[in-house]
Amino acid sequence: MPKQIISTKDAPAAIGSYSQAVRAGDTVYLSGQIGLDPANMQMVDGIDAQITRVFDNLQAVARAAGGTLADVVKLNVYLTDLGNFARVNEAMAKYFAEPYPARAAVGVAALPRGGLVEVDGVMVPG
């Protein structure tokens, strides 16, 4: 099955050997996004700003792939402090509507660039 690389300037450029997203058939795999501002490639400050930036970045990549966050079927959330889990839930309510995507939340020791949160996902554009 041929794969198509998805890329947009509205989300941070890859900071390693990966693509922002890859389409394989009808499925789009969204790479993990951290709180990098695509305009200057700097981390935004604080957990709330990082959570918002992460979902804005994911939204930009989803759009570049021809979909929206409403097409996301699975999310993986990585937090350096699981005490911020409620903040992620609050933010998700602004970006997603029922039926919500499946989701996992994992506590991790560290994230790239000192990030506090990272989210990746799987999307099936409608």
PDB file of N, CA and C in Angstrom:
ATOM      1  N   MET A   1       0.845  -1.165   0.000  1.00  0.00           N
ATOM      2  CA  MET A   1       0.000   0.000   0.000  1.00  0.00           C
ATOM      3  C   MET A   1       0.899   1.240   0.000  1.00  0.00           C
ATOM      4  N   PRO A   2       0.719   2.113  -0.986  1.00  0.00           N
ATOM      5  CA  PRO A   2       1.537   3.333  -1.015  1.00  0.00           C
ATOM      6  C   PRO A   2       1.173   4.262   0.138  1.00  0.00           C
ATOM      7  N   LYS A   3       2.154   4.984   0.616  1.00  0.00           N
ATOM      8  CA  LYS A   3       1.879   5.943   1.679  1.00  0.00           C
ATOM      9  C   LYS A   3       2.127   7.354   1.177  1.00  0.00           C
ATOM     10  N   GLN A   4       1.383   8.282   1.756  1.00  0.00           N
ATOM     11  CA  GLN A   4       1.491   9.696   1.390  1.00  0.00           C
ATOM     12  C   GLN A   4       1.930  10.470   2.625  1.00  0.00           C
ATOM     13  N   ILE A   5       2.954  11.280   2.470  1.00  0.00           N
ATOM     14  CA  ILE A   5       3.453  12.102   3.569  1.00  0.00           C
ATOM     15  C   ILE A   5       2.634  13.389   3.624  1.00  0.00           C
ATOM     16  N   ILE A   6       2.185  13.744   4.825  1.00  0.00           N
ATOM     17  CA  ILE A   6       1.401  14.962   5.051  1.00  0.00           C
ATOM     18  C   ILE A   6       2.308  15.976   5.741  1.00  0.00           C
ATOM     19  N   SER A   7       2.283  17.214   5.251  1.00  0.00           N
ATOM     20  CA  SER A   7       3.118  18.258   5.842  1.00  0.00           C
ATOM     21  C   SER A   7       2.419  19.606   5.712  1.00  0.00           C
ATOM     22  N   THR A   8       2.569  20.429   6.733  1.00  0.00           N
ATOM     23  CA  THR A   8       2.020  21.781   6.706  1.00  0.00           C
ATOM     24  C   THR A   8       2.932  22.731   7.472  1.00  0.00           C
ATOM     25  N   LYS A   9       2.995  23.952   7.013  1.00  0.00           N
ATOM     26  CA  LYS A   9       3.752  24.983   7.719  1.00  0.00           C
ATOM     27  C   LYS A   9       2.966  25.537   8.910  1.00  0.00           C
ATOM     28  N   ASP A  10       1.698  25.139   9.038  1.00  0.00           N
ATOM     29  CA  ASP A  10       0.858  25.598  10.145  1.00  0.00           C
ATOM     30  C   ASP A  10       1.087  24.804  11.428  1.00  0.00           C
ATOM     31  N   ALA A  11       1.964  23.812  11.352  1.00  0.00           N
ATOM     32  CA  ALA A  11       2.373  23.033  12.524  1.00  0.00           C
ATOM     33  C   ALA A  11       3.898  23.002  12.532  1.00  0.00           C
ATOM     34  N   PRO A  12       4.502  22.724  13.679  1.00  0.00           N
ATOM     35  CA  PRO A  12       5.962  22.716  13.745  1.00  0.00           C
ATOM     36  C   PRO A  12       6.580  21.720  12.760  1.00  0.00           C
ATOM     37  N   ALA A  13       7.678  22.116  12.167  1.00  0.00           N
ATOM     38  CA  ALA A  13       8.436  21.204  11.313  1.00  0.00           C
ATOM     39  C   ALA A  13       8.961  20.056  12.173  1.00  0.00           C
ATOM     40  N   ALA A  14       9.124  18.906  11.557  1.00  0.00           N
ATOM     41  CA  ALA A  14       9.664  17.750  12.278  1.00  0.00           C
ATOM     42  C   ALA A  14      11.043  18.101  12.841  1.00  0.00           C
ATOM     43  N   ILE A  15      11.298  17.693  14.093  1.00  0.00           N
ATOM     44  CA  ILE A  15      12.598  17.962  14.718  1.00  0.00           C
ATOM     45  C   ILE A  15      13.417  16.670  14.788  1.00  0.00           C
ATOM     46  N   GLY A  16      13.121  15.756  13.901  1.00  0.00           N
ATOM     47  CA  GLY A  16      13.831  14.486  13.842  1.00  0.00           C
ATOM     48  C   GLY A  16      13.492  13.771  12.553  1.00  0.00           C
ATOM     49  N   SER A  17      13.767  12.503  12.532  1.00  0.00           N
ATOM     50  CA  SER A  17      13.559  11.700  11.324  1.00  0.00           C
ATOM     51  C   SER A  17      12.158  11.103  11.315  1.00  0.00           C
ATOM     52  N   TYR A  18      11.166  11.981  11.149  1.00  0.00           N
ATOM     53  CA  TYR A  18       9.770  11.559  11.082  1.00  0.00           C
ATOM     54  C   TYR A  18       8.992  12.588  10.267  1.00  0.00           C
ATOM     55  N   SER A  19       7.771  12.231   9.905  1.00  0.00           N
ATOM     56  CA  SER A  19       6.864  13.120   9.172  1.00  0.00           C
ATOM     57  C   SER A  19       5.786  13.613  10.115  1.00  0.00           C
ATOM     58  N   GLN A  20       5.181  14.757   9.808  1.00  0.00           N
ATOM     59  CA  GLN A  20       4.086  15.266  10.636  1.00  0.00           C
ATOM     60  C   GLN A  20       2.927  14.283  10.650  1.00  0.00           C
ATOM     61  N   ALA A  21       2.679  13.641   9.506  1.00  0.00           N
ATOM     62  CA  ALA A  21       1.633  12.624   9.411  1.00  0.00           C
ATOM     63  C   ALA A  21       1.897  11.780   8.172  1.00  0.00           C
ATOM     64  N   VAL A  22       1.328  10.580   8.198  1.00  0.00           N
ATOM     65  CA  VAL A  22       1.436   9.673   7.055  1.00  0.00           C
ATOM     66  C   VAL A  22       0.062   9.077   6.797  1.00  0.00           C
ATOM     67  N   ARG A  23      -0.370   9.156   5.534  1.00  0.00           N
ATOM     68  CA  ARG A  23      -1.627   8.515   5.125  1.00  0.00           C
ATOM     69  C   ARG A  23      -1.273   7.155   4.520  1.00  0.00           C
ATOM     70  N   ALA A  24      -1.957   6.136   5.007  1.00  0.00           N
ATOM     71  CA  ALA A  24      -1.843   4.789   4.452  1.00  0.00           C
ATOM     72  C   ALA A  24      -3.269   4.310   4.206  1.00  0.00           C
ATOM     73  N   GLY A  25      -3.653   4.247   2.943  1.00  0.00           N
ATOM     74  CA  GLY A  25      -5.041   3.915   2.629  1.00  0.00           C
ATOM     75  C   GLY A  25      -5.958   5.022   3.115  1.00  0.00           C
ATOM     76  N   ASP A  26      -6.984   4.662   3.874  1.00  0.00           N
ATOM     77  CA  ASP A  26      -7.944   5.637   4.395  1.00  0.00           C
ATOM     78  C   ASP A  26      -7.572   6.154   5.782  1.00  0.00           C
ATOM     79  N   THR A  27      -6.435   5.731   6.295  1.00  0.00           N
ATOM     80  CA  THR A  27      -6.040   6.083   7.657  1.00  0.00           C
ATOM     81  C   THR A  27      -4.867   7.050   7.645  1.00  0.00           C
ATOM     82  N   VAL A  28      -4.935   8.060   8.534  1.00  0.00           N
ATOM     83  CA  VAL A  28      -3.849   9.026   8.685  1.00  0.00           C
ATOM     84  C   VAL A  28      -3.290   8.893  10.100  1.00  0.00           C
ATOM     85  N   TYR A  29      -1.986   8.699  10.178  1.00  0.00           N
ATOM     86  CA  TYR A  29      -1.298   8.575  11.457  1.00  0.00           C
ATOM     87  C   TYR A  29      -0.636   9.909  11.764  1.00  0.00           C
ATOM     88  N   LEU A  30      -1.107  10.572  12.815  1.00  0.00           N
ATOM     89  CA  LEU A  30      -0.616  11.896  13.203  1.00  0.00           C
ATOM     90  C   LEU A  30       0.517  11.740  14.201  1.00  0.00           C
ATOM     91  N   SER A  31       1.693  12.241  13.856  1.00  0.00           N
ATOM     92  CA  SER A  31       2.826  12.176  14.770  1.00  0.00           C
ATOM     93  C   SER A  31       2.570  12.990  16.017  1.00  0.00           C
ATOM     94  N   GLY A  32       3.284  12.661  17.069  1.00  0.00           N
ATOM     95  CA  GLY A  32       3.152  13.384  18.325  1.00  0.00           C
ATOM     96  C   GLY A  32       3.478  14.853  18.164  1.00  0.00           C
ATOM     97  N   GLN A  33       2.660  15.669  18.792  1.00  0.00           N
ATOM     98  CA  GLN A  33       2.872  17.116  18.800  1.00  0.00           C
ATOM     99  C   GLN A  33       3.152  17.545  20.237  1.00  0.00           C
ATOM    100  N   ILE A  34       4.154  18.413  20.366  1.00  0.00           N
ATOM    101  CA  ILE A  34       4.445  19.035  21.656  1.00  0.00           C
ATOM    102  C   ILE A  34       4.105  20.520  21.523  1.00  0.00           C
ATOM    103  N   GLY A  35       4.333  21.276  22.556  1.00  0.00           N
ATOM    104  CA  GLY A  35       3.919  22.679  22.586  1.00  0.00           C
ATOM    105  C   GLY A  35       4.815  23.630  21.831  1.00  0.00           C
ATOM    106  N   LEU A  36       5.291  23.237  20.660  1.00  0.00           N
ATOM    107  CA  LEU A  36       6.112  24.123  19.835  1.00  0.00           C
ATOM    108  C   LEU A  36       5.232  25.054  19.023  1.00  0.00           C
ATOM    109  N   ASP A  37       5.580  26.326  19.025  1.00  0.00           N
ATOM    110  CA  ASP A  37       4.914  27.312  18.187  1.00  0.00           C
ATOM    111  C   ASP A  37       5.518  27.202  16.790  1.00  0.00           C
ATOM    112  N   PRO A  38       4.713  26.909  15.760  1.00  0.00           N
ATOM    113  CA  PRO A  38       5.282  26.736  14.422  1.00  0.00           C
ATOM    114  C   PRO A  38       5.901  28.014  13.853  1.00  0.00           C
ATOM    115  N   ALA A  39       5.522  29.170  14.373  1.00  0.00           N
ATOM    116  CA  ALA A  39       6.052  30.433  13.860  1.00  0.00           C
ATOM    117  C   ALA A  39       7.522  30.623  14.207  1.00  0.00           C
ATOM    118  N   ASN A  40       7.916  30.146  15.398  1.00  0.00           N
ATOM    119  CA  ASN A  40       9.301  30.371  15.822  1.00  0.00           C
ATOM    120  C   ASN A  40      10.008  29.112  16.334  1.00  0.00           C
ATOM    121  N   MET A  41       9.293  27.978  16.319  1.00  0.00           N
ATOM    122  CA  MET A  41       9.832  26.684  16.766  1.00  0.00           C
ATOM    123  C   MET A  41      10.325  26.726  18.221  1.00  0.00           C
ATOM    124  N   GLN A  42       9.690  27.579  19.035  1.00  0.00           N
ATOM    125  CA  GLN A  42       9.996  27.649  20.461  1.00  0.00           C
ATOM    126  C   GLN A  42       8.827  27.071  21.252  1.00  0.00           C
ATOM    127  N   MET A  43       9.136  26.496  22.409  1.00  0.00           N
ATOM    128  CA  MET A  43       8.090  25.974  23.285  1.00  0.00           C
ATOM    129  C   MET A  43       7.314  27.131  23.888  1.00  0.00           C
ATOM    130  N   VAL A  44       5.999  26.983  23.965  1.00  0.00           N
ATOM    131  CA  VAL A  44       5.193  27.962  24.678  1.00  0.00           C
ATOM    132  C   VAL A  44       5.327  27.670  26.167  1.00  0.00           C
ATOM    133  N   ASP A  45       5.031  28.663  27.005  1.00  0.00           N
ATOM    134  CA  ASP A  45       5.252  28.534  28.444  1.00  0.00           C
ATOM    135  C   ASP A  45       4.033  28.008  29.181  1.00  0.00           C
ATOM    136  N   GLY A  46       4.248  27.042  30.056  1.00  0.00           N
ATOM    137  CA  GLY A  46       3.199  26.573  30.951  1.00  0.00           C
ATOM    138  C   GLY A  46       2.354  25.450  30.373  1.00  0.00           C
ATOM    139  N   ILE A  47       1.800  24.668  31.263  1.00  0.00           N
ATOM    140  CA  ILE A  47       1.037  23.490  30.852  1.00  0.00           C
ATOM    141  C   ILE A  47      -0.201  23.863  30.050  1.00  0.00           C
ATOM    142  N   ASP A  48      -0.956  24.872  30.458  1.00  0.00           N
ATOM    143  CA  ASP A  48      -2.178  25.215  29.742  1.00  0.00           C
ATOM    144  C   ASP A  48      -1.873  25.687  28.321  1.00  0.00           C
ATOM    145  N   ALA A  49      -0.866  26.514  28.168  1.00  0.00           N
ATOM    146  CA  ALA A  49      -0.474  26.990  26.835  1.00  0.00           C
ATOM    147  C   ALA A  49       0.048  25.840  25.983  1.00  0.00           C
ATOM    148  N   GLN A  50       0.770  24.907  26.596  1.00  0.00           N
ATOM    149  CA  GLN A  50       1.283  23.767  25.839  1.00  0.00           C
ATOM    150  C   GLN A  50       0.153  22.845  25.382  1.00  0.00           C
ATOM    151  N   ILE A  51      -0.815  22.606  26.241  1.00  0.00           N
ATOM    152  CA  ILE A  51      -1.945  21.760  25.856  1.00  0.00           C
ATOM    153  C   ILE A  51      -2.682  22.393  24.676  1.00  0.00           C
ATOM    154  N   THR A  52      -2.950  23.684  24.750  1.00  0.00           N
ATOM    155  CA  THR A  52      -3.631  24.378  23.653  1.00  0.00           C
ATOM    156  C   THR A  52      -2.811  24.303  22.374  1.00  0.00           C
ATOM    157  N   ARG A  53      -1.521  24.557  22.476  1.00  0.00           N
ATOM    158  CA  ARG A  53      -0.646  24.529  21.297  1.00  0.00           C
ATOM    159  C   ARG A  53      -0.610  23.135  20.675  1.00  0.00           C
ATOM    160  N   VAL A  54      -0.569  22.097  21.512  1.00  0.00           N
ATOM    161  CA  VAL A  54      -0.558  20.719  21.016  1.00  0.00           C
ATOM    162  C   VAL A  54      -1.801  20.451  20.173  1.00  0.00           C
ATOM    163  N   PHE A  55      -2.984  20.806  20.690  1.00  0.00           N
ATOM    164  CA  PHE A  55      -4.213  20.540  19.947  1.00  0.00           C
ATOM    165  C   PHE A  55      -4.334  21.442  18.716  1.00  0.00           C
ATOM    166  N   ASP A  56      -3.834  22.675  18.795  1.00  0.00           N
ATOM    167  CA  ASP A  56      -3.808  23.530  17.604  1.00  0.00           C
ATOM    168  C   ASP A  56      -2.906  22.917  16.530  1.00  0.00           C
ATOM    169  N   ASN A  57      -1.759  22.390  16.941  1.00  0.00           N
ATOM    170  CA  ASN A  57      -0.841  21.754  15.996  1.00  0.00           C
ATOM    171  C   ASN A  57      -1.476  20.517  15.366  1.00  0.00           C
ATOM    172  N   LEU A  58      -2.102  19.685  16.186  1.00  0.00           N
ATOM    173  CA  LEU A  58      -2.767  18.488  15.658  1.00  0.00           C
ATOM    174  C   LEU A  58      -3.880  18.878  14.680  1.00  0.00           C
ATOM    175  N   GLN A  59      -4.618  19.912  15.017  1.00  0.00           N
ATOM    176  CA  GLN A  59      -5.692  20.391  14.157  1.00  0.00           C
ATOM    177  C   GLN A  59      -5.142  20.835  12.803  1.00  0.00           C
ATOM    178  N   ALA A  60      -4.015  21.520  12.793  1.00  0.00           N
ATOM    179  CA  ALA A  60      -3.399  21.976  11.543  1.00  0.00           C
ATOM    180  C   ALA A  60      -2.971  20.794  10.675  1.00  0.00           C
ATOM    181  N   VAL A  61      -2.397  19.780  11.291  1.00  0.00           N
ATOM    182  CA  VAL A  61      -1.969  18.605  10.527  1.00  0.00           C
ATOM    183  C   VAL A  61      -3.190  17.847  10.009  1.00  0.00           C
ATOM    184  N   ALA A  62      -4.225  17.735  10.832  1.00  0.00           N
ATOM    185  CA  ALA A  62      -5.454  17.061  10.393  1.00  0.00           C
ATOM    186  C   ALA A  62      -6.033  17.776   9.170  1.00  0.00           C
ATOM    187  N   ARG A  63      -6.060  19.102   9.200  1.00  0.00           N
ATOM    188  CA  ARG A  63      -6.566  19.871   8.059  1.00  0.00           C
ATOM    189  C   ARG A  63      -5.725  19.623   6.812  1.00  0.00           C
ATOM    190  N   ALA A  64      -4.401  19.591   6.987  1.00  0.00           N
ATOM    191  CA  ALA A  64      -3.508  19.351   5.850  1.00  0.00           C
ATOM    192  C   ALA A  64      -3.745  17.971   5.236  1.00  0.00           C
ATOM    193  N   ALA A  65      -4.246  17.057   6.046  1.00  0.00           N
ATOM    194  CA  ALA A  65      -4.536  15.702   5.571  1.00  0.00           C
ATOM    195  C   ALA A  65      -5.949  15.590   5.009  1.00  0.00           C
ATOM    196  N   GLY A  66      -6.690  16.698   4.975  1.00  0.00           N
ATOM    197  CA  GLY A  66      -8.031  16.681   4.426  1.00  0.00           C
ATOM    198  C   GLY A  66      -9.111  16.317   5.421  1.00  0.00           C
ATOM    199  N   GLY A  67      -8.812  16.464   6.710  1.00  0.00           N
ATOM    200  CA  GLY A  67      -9.795  16.130   7.736  1.00  0.00           C
ATOM    201  C   GLY A  67      -9.873  17.199   8.803  1.00  0.00           C
ATOM    202  N   THR A  68     -10.481  16.820   9.904  1.00  0.00           N
ATOM    203  CA  THR A  68     -10.582  17.689  11.077  1.00  0.00           C
ATOM    204  C   THR A  68     -10.370  16.825  12.309  1.00  0.00           C
ATOM    205  N   LEU A  69     -10.316  17.454  13.454  1.00  0.00           N
ATOM    206  CA  LEU A  69     -10.187  16.679  14.688  1.00  0.00           C
ATOM    207  C   LEU A  69     -11.402  15.776  14.914  1.00  0.00           C
ATOM    208  N   ALA A  70     -12.530  16.103  14.306  1.00  0.00           N
ATOM    209  CA  ALA A  70     -13.716  15.249  14.420  1.00  0.00           C
ATOM    210  C   ALA A  70     -13.484  13.889  13.764  1.00  0.00           C
ATOM    211  N   ASP A  71     -12.481  13.791  12.896  1.00  0.00           N
ATOM    212  CA  ASP A  71     -12.156  12.533  12.220  1.00  0.00           C
ATOM    213  C   ASP A  71     -11.163  11.675  12.995  1.00  0.00           C
ATOM    214  N   VAL A  72     -10.660  12.184  14.106  1.00  0.00           N
ATOM    215  CA  VAL A  72      -9.692  11.432  14.912  1.00  0.00           C
ATOM    216  C   VAL A  72     -10.422  10.309  15.642  1.00  0.00           C
ATOM    217  N   VAL A  73      -9.881   9.090  15.526  1.00  0.00           N
ATOM    218  CA  VAL A  73     -10.499   7.929  16.168  1.00  0.00           C
ATOM    219  C   VAL A  73      -9.729   7.460  17.401  1.00  0.00           C
ATOM    220  N   LYS A  74      -8.453   7.867  17.521  1.00  0.00           N
ATOM    221  CA  LYS A  74      -7.629   7.425  18.657  1.00  0.00           C
ATOM    222  C   LYS A  74      -6.599   8.489  18.969  1.00  0.00           C
ATOM    223  N   LEU A  75      -6.448   8.789  20.241  1.00  0.00           N
ATOM    224  CA  LEU A  75      -5.410   9.702  20.733  1.00  0.00           C
ATOM    225  C   LEU A  75      -4.579   9.003  21.787  1.00  0.00           C
ATOM    226  N   ASN A  76      -3.299   9.352  21.827  1.00  0.00           N
ATOM    227  CA  ASN A  76      -2.412   8.951  22.911  1.00  0.00           C
ATOM    228  C   ASN A  76      -1.880  10.234  23.526  1.00  0.00           C
ATOM    229  N   VAL A  77      -2.065  10.379  24.822  1.00  0.00           N
ATOM    230  CA  VAL A  77      -1.633  11.570  25.551  1.00  0.00           C
ATOM    231  C   VAL A  77      -0.488  11.162  26.469  1.00  0.00           C
ATOM    232  N   TYR A  78       0.604  11.906  26.406  1.00  0.00           N
ATOM    233  CA  TYR A  78       1.774  11.654  27.250  1.00  0.00           C
ATOM    234  C   TYR A  78       1.981  12.883  28.121  1.00  0.00           C
ATOM    235  N   LEU A  79       2.026  12.681  29.429  1.00  0.00           N
ATOM    236  CA  LEU A  79       2.187  13.776  30.390  1.00  0.00           C
ATOM    237  C   LEU A  79       3.363  13.508  31.312  1.00  0.00           C
ATOM    238  N   THR A  80       4.155  14.538  31.570  1.00  0.00           N
ATOM    239  CA  THR A  80       5.237  14.386  32.537  1.00  0.00           C
ATOM    240  C   THR A  80       4.706  14.464  33.966  1.00  0.00           C
ATOM    241  N   ASP A  81       3.484  14.935  34.130  1.00  0.00           N
ATOM    242  CA  ASP A  81       2.829  14.993  35.441  1.00  0.00           C
ATOM    243  C   ASP A  81       1.357  14.629  35.246  1.00  0.00           C
ATOM    244  N   LEU A  82       0.974  13.433  35.666  1.00  0.00           N
ATOM    245  CA  LEU A  82      -0.412  13.000  35.491  1.00  0.00           C
ATOM    246  C   LEU A  82      -1.389  13.856  36.290  1.00  0.00           C
ATOM    247  N   GLY A  83      -0.891  14.703  37.160  1.00  0.00           N
ATOM    248  CA  GLY A  83      -1.735  15.657  37.863  1.00  0.00           C
ATOM    249  C   GLY A  83      -2.373  16.669  36.908  1.00  0.00           C
ATOM    250  N   ASN A  84      -1.839  16.764  35.685  1.00  0.00           N
ATOM    251  CA  ASN A  84      -2.387  17.680  34.681  1.00  0.00           C
ATOM    252  C   ASN A  84      -3.439  17.020  33.787  1.00  0.00           C
ATOM    253  N   PHE A  85      -3.816  15.796  34.121  1.00  0.00           N
ATOM    254  CA  PHE A  85      -4.776  15.052  33.316  1.00  0.00           C
ATOM    255  C   PHE A  85      -6.120  15.789  33.190  1.00  0.00           C
ATOM    256  N   ALA A  86      -6.599  16.382  34.284  1.00  0.00           N
ATOM    257  CA  ALA A  86      -7.871  17.109  34.250  1.00  0.00           C
ATOM    258  C   ALA A  86      -7.788  18.296  33.293  1.00  0.00           C
ATOM    259  N   ARG A  87      -6.626  18.933  33.210  1.00  0.00           N
ATOM    260  CA  ARG A  87      -6.455  20.064  32.284  1.00  0.00           C
ATOM    261  C   ARG A  87      -6.567  19.601  30.832  1.00  0.00           C
ATOM    262  N   VAL A  88      -6.041  18.411  30.546  1.00  0.00           N
ATOM    263  CA  VAL A  88      -6.163  17.856  29.199  1.00  0.00           C
ATOM    264  C   VAL A  88      -7.635  17.600  28.888  1.00  0.00           C
ATOM    265  N   ASN A  89      -8.365  17.032  29.847  1.00  0.00           N
ATOM    266  CA  ASN A  89      -9.795  16.778  29.643  1.00  0.00           C
ATOM    267  C   ASN A  89     -10.548  18.071  29.353  1.00  0.00           C
ATOM    268  N   GLU A  90     -10.250  19.123  30.105  1.00  0.00           N
ATOM    269  CA  GLU A  90     -10.910  20.415  29.889  1.00  0.00           C
ATOM    270  C   GLU A  90     -10.624  20.951  28.491  1.00  0.00           C
ATOM    271  N   ALA A  91      -9.381  20.855  28.062  1.00  0.00           N
ATOM    272  CA  ALA A  91      -9.012  21.347  26.730  1.00  0.00           C
ATOM    273  C   ALA A  91      -9.661  20.505  25.646  1.00  0.00           C
ATOM    274  N   MET A  92      -9.697  19.190  25.840  1.00  0.00           N
ATOM    275  CA  MET A  92     -10.296  18.322  24.825  1.00  0.00           C
ATOM    276  C   MET A  92     -11.757  18.672  24.589  1.00  0.00           C
ATOM    277  N   ALA A  93     -12.450  19.105  25.623  1.00  0.00           N
ATOM    278  CA  ALA A  93     -13.861  19.467  25.480  1.00  0.00           C
ATOM    279  C   ALA A  93     -14.032  20.664  24.545  1.00  0.00           C
ATOM    280  N   LYS A  94     -12.972  21.455  24.356  1.00  0.00           N
ATOM    281  CA  LYS A  94     -13.027  22.597  23.442  1.00  0.00           C
ATOM    282  C   LYS A  94     -12.714  22.188  21.999  1.00  0.00           C
ATOM    283  N   TYR A  95     -12.003  21.098  21.825  1.00  0.00           N
ATOM    284  CA  TYR A  95     -11.563  20.671  20.497  1.00  0.00           C
ATOM    285  C   TYR A  95     -12.353  19.491  19.936  1.00  0.00           C
ATOM    286  N   PHE A  96     -13.000  18.723  20.805  1.00  0.00           N
ATOM    287  CA  PHE A  96     -13.696  17.504  20.383  1.00  0.00           C
ATOM    288  C   PHE A  96     -15.129  17.522  20.896  1.00  0.00           C
ATOM    289  N   ALA A  97     -16.021  16.899  20.139  1.00  0.00           N
ATOM    290  CA  ALA A  97     -17.412  16.728  20.546  1.00  0.00           C
ATOM    291  C   ALA A  97     -17.721  15.235  20.542  1.00  0.00           C
ATOM    292  N   GLU A  98     -18.787  14.870  21.230  1.00  0.00           N
ATOM    293  CA  GLU A  98     -19.189  13.471  21.224  1.00  0.00           C
ATOM    294  C   GLU A  98     -19.594  13.054  19.820  1.00  0.00           C
ATOM    295  N   PRO A  99     -19.311  11.856  19.407  1.00  0.00           N
ATOM    296  CA  PRO A  99     -18.605  10.822  20.151  1.00  0.00           C
ATOM    297  C   PRO A  99     -17.100  11.105  20.164  1.00  0.00           C
ATOM    298  N   TYR A 100     -16.519  11.043  21.349  1.00  0.00           N
ATOM    299  CA  TYR A 100     -15.096  11.324  21.515  1.00  0.00           C
ATOM    300  C   TYR A 100     -14.246  10.182  20.958  1.00  0.00           C
ATOM    301  N   PRO A 101     -12.999  10.504  20.579  1.00  0.00           N
ATOM    302  CA  PRO A 101     -12.106   9.432  20.126  1.00  0.00           C
ATOM    303  C   PRO A 101     -11.698   8.540  21.296  1.00  0.00           C
ATOM    304  N   ALA A 102     -11.271   7.343  20.978  1.00  0.00           N
ATOM    305  CA  ALA A 102     -10.643   6.495  21.991  1.00  0.00           C
ATOM    306  C   ALA A 102      -9.365   7.202  22.434  1.00  0.00           C
ATOM    307  N   ARG A 103      -8.916   6.928  23.674  1.00  0.00           N
ATOM    308  CA  ARG A 103      -7.754   7.655  24.181  1.00  0.00           C
ATOM    309  C   ARG A 103      -7.020   6.846  25.227  1.00  0.00           C
ATOM    310  N   ALA A 104      -5.719   7.021  25.251  1.00  0.00           N
ATOM    311  CA  ALA A 104      -4.886   6.511  26.334  1.00  0.00           C
ATOM    312  C   ALA A 104      -4.131   7.699  26.914  1.00  0.00           C
ATOM    313  N   ALA A 105      -3.851   7.661  28.202  1.00  0.00           N
ATOM    314  CA  ALA A 105      -3.043   8.694  28.848  1.00  0.00           C
ATOM    315  C   ALA A 105      -1.935   7.988  29.612  1.00  0.00           C
ATOM    316  N   VAL A 106      -0.708   8.444  29.383  1.00  0.00           N
ATOM    317  CA  VAL A 106       0.458   7.771  29.943  1.00  0.00           C
ATOM    318  C   VAL A 106       1.348   8.795  30.631  1.00  0.00           C
ATOM    319  N   GLY A 107       1.804   8.472  31.820  1.00  0.00           N
ATOM    320  CA  GLY A 107       2.784   9.303  32.509  1.00  0.00           C
ATOM    321  C   GLY A 107       4.177   8.929  32.032  1.00  0.00           C
ATOM    322  N   VAL A 108       4.969   9.932  31.688  1.00  0.00           N
ATOM    323  CA  VAL A 108       6.319   9.698  31.180  1.00  0.00           C
ATOM    324  C   VAL A 108       7.319  10.534  31.974  1.00  0.00           C
ATOM    325  N   ALA A 109       8.576  10.112  31.950  1.00  0.00           N
ATOM    326  CA  ALA A 109       9.618  10.812  32.695  1.00  0.00           C
ATOM    327  C   ALA A 109      10.017  12.129  32.031  1.00  0.00           C
ATOM    328  N   ALA A 110      10.030  12.152  30.709  1.00  0.00           N
ATOM    329  CA  ALA A 110      10.460  13.361  29.996  1.00  0.00           C
ATOM    330  C   ALA A 110       9.918  13.322  28.577  1.00  0.00           C
ATOM    331  N   LEU A 111       9.856  14.512  27.965  1.00  0.00           N
ATOM    332  CA  LEU A 111       9.420  14.663  26.581  1.00  0.00           C
ATOM    333  C   LEU A 111      10.422  15.548  25.844  1.00  0.00           C
ATOM    334  N   PRO A 112      10.446  15.497  24.499  1.00  0.00           N
ATOM    335  CA  PRO A 112      11.376  16.333  23.749  1.00  0.00           C
ATOM    336  C   PRO A 112      11.224  17.817  24.088  1.00  0.00           C
ATOM    337  N   ARG A 113      12.345  18.515  24.046  1.00  0.00           N
ATOM    338  CA  ARG A 113      12.408  19.957  24.277  1.00  0.00           C
ATOM    339  C   ARG A 113      11.863  20.379  25.640  1.00  0.00           C
ATOM    340  N   GLY A 114      11.822  19.453  26.587  1.00  0.00           N
ATOM    341  CA  GLY A 114      11.325  19.783  27.917  1.00  0.00           C
ATOM    342  C   GLY A 114       9.819  19.941  27.972  1.00  0.00           C
ATOM    343  N   GLY A 115       9.122  19.404  26.974  1.00  0.00           N
ATOM    344  CA  GLY A 115       7.670  19.509  26.923  1.00  0.00           C
ATOM    345  C   GLY A 115       7.005  18.879  28.131  1.00  0.00           C
ATOM    346  N   LEU A 116       5.821  19.362  28.450  1.00  0.00           N
ATOM    347  CA  LEU A 116       5.038  18.844  29.564  1.00  0.00           C
ATOM    348  C   LEU A 116       3.937  17.901  29.089  1.00  0.00           C
ATOM    349  N   VAL A 117       3.606  17.984  27.782  1.00  0.00           N
ATOM    350  CA  VAL A 117       2.539  17.167  27.212  1.00  0.00           C
ATOM    351  C   VAL A 117       2.858  16.907  25.738  1.00  0.00           C
ATOM    352  N   GLU A 118       2.487  15.724  25.287  1.00  0.00           N
ATOM    353  CA  GLU A 118       2.580  15.369  23.870  1.00  0.00           C
ATOM    354  C   GLU A 118       1.347  14.546  23.533  1.00  0.00           C
ATOM    355  N   VAL A 119       0.824  14.726  22.328  1.00  0.00           N
ATOM    356  CA  VAL A 119      -0.344  13.970  21.887  1.00  0.00           C
ATOM    357  C   VAL A 119      -0.122  13.530  20.448  1.00  0.00           C
ATOM    358  N   ASP A 120      -0.390  12.250  20.176  1.00  0.00           N
ATOM    359  CA  ASP A 120      -0.413  11.754  18.801  1.00  0.00           C
ATOM    360  C   ASP A 120      -1.779  11.135  18.547  1.00  0.00           C
ATOM    361  N   GLY A 121      -2.046  10.791  17.303  1.00  0.00           N
ATOM    362  CA  GLY A 121      -3.369  10.248  17.020  1.00  0.00           C
ATOM    363  C   GLY A 121      -3.478   9.509  15.718  1.00  0.00           C
ATOM    364  N   VAL A 122      -4.632   8.907  15.539  1.00  0.00           N
ATOM    365  CA  VAL A 122      -4.983   8.210  14.309  1.00  0.00           C
ATOM    366  C   VAL A 122      -6.290   8.821  13.819  1.00  0.00           C
ATOM    367  N   MET A 123      -6.341   9.118  12.534  1.00  0.00           N
ATOM    368  CA  MET A 123      -7.507   9.790  11.955  1.00  0.00           C
ATOM    369  C   MET A 123      -7.984   9.029  10.724  1.00  0.00           C
ATOM    370  N   VAL A 124      -9.288   8.970  10.567  1.00  0.00           N
ATOM    371  CA  VAL A 124      -9.893   8.397   9.361  1.00  0.00           C
ATOM    372  C   VAL A 124     -10.801   9.486   8.797  1.00  0.00           C
ATOM    373  N   PRO A 125     -10.271  10.303   7.853  1.00  0.00           N
ATOM    374  CA  PRO A 125     -11.075  11.392   7.317  1.00  0.00           C
ATOM    375  C   PRO A 125     -12.382  10.891   6.702  1.00  0.00           C
ATOM    376  N   GLY A 126     -13.462  11.631   6.988  1.00  0.00           N
ATOM    377  CA  GLY A 126     -14.792  11.255   6.565  1.00  0.00           C
ATOM    378  C   GLY A 126     -14.996  11.414   5.101  1.00  0.00           C
TER     379      GLY A 126
END
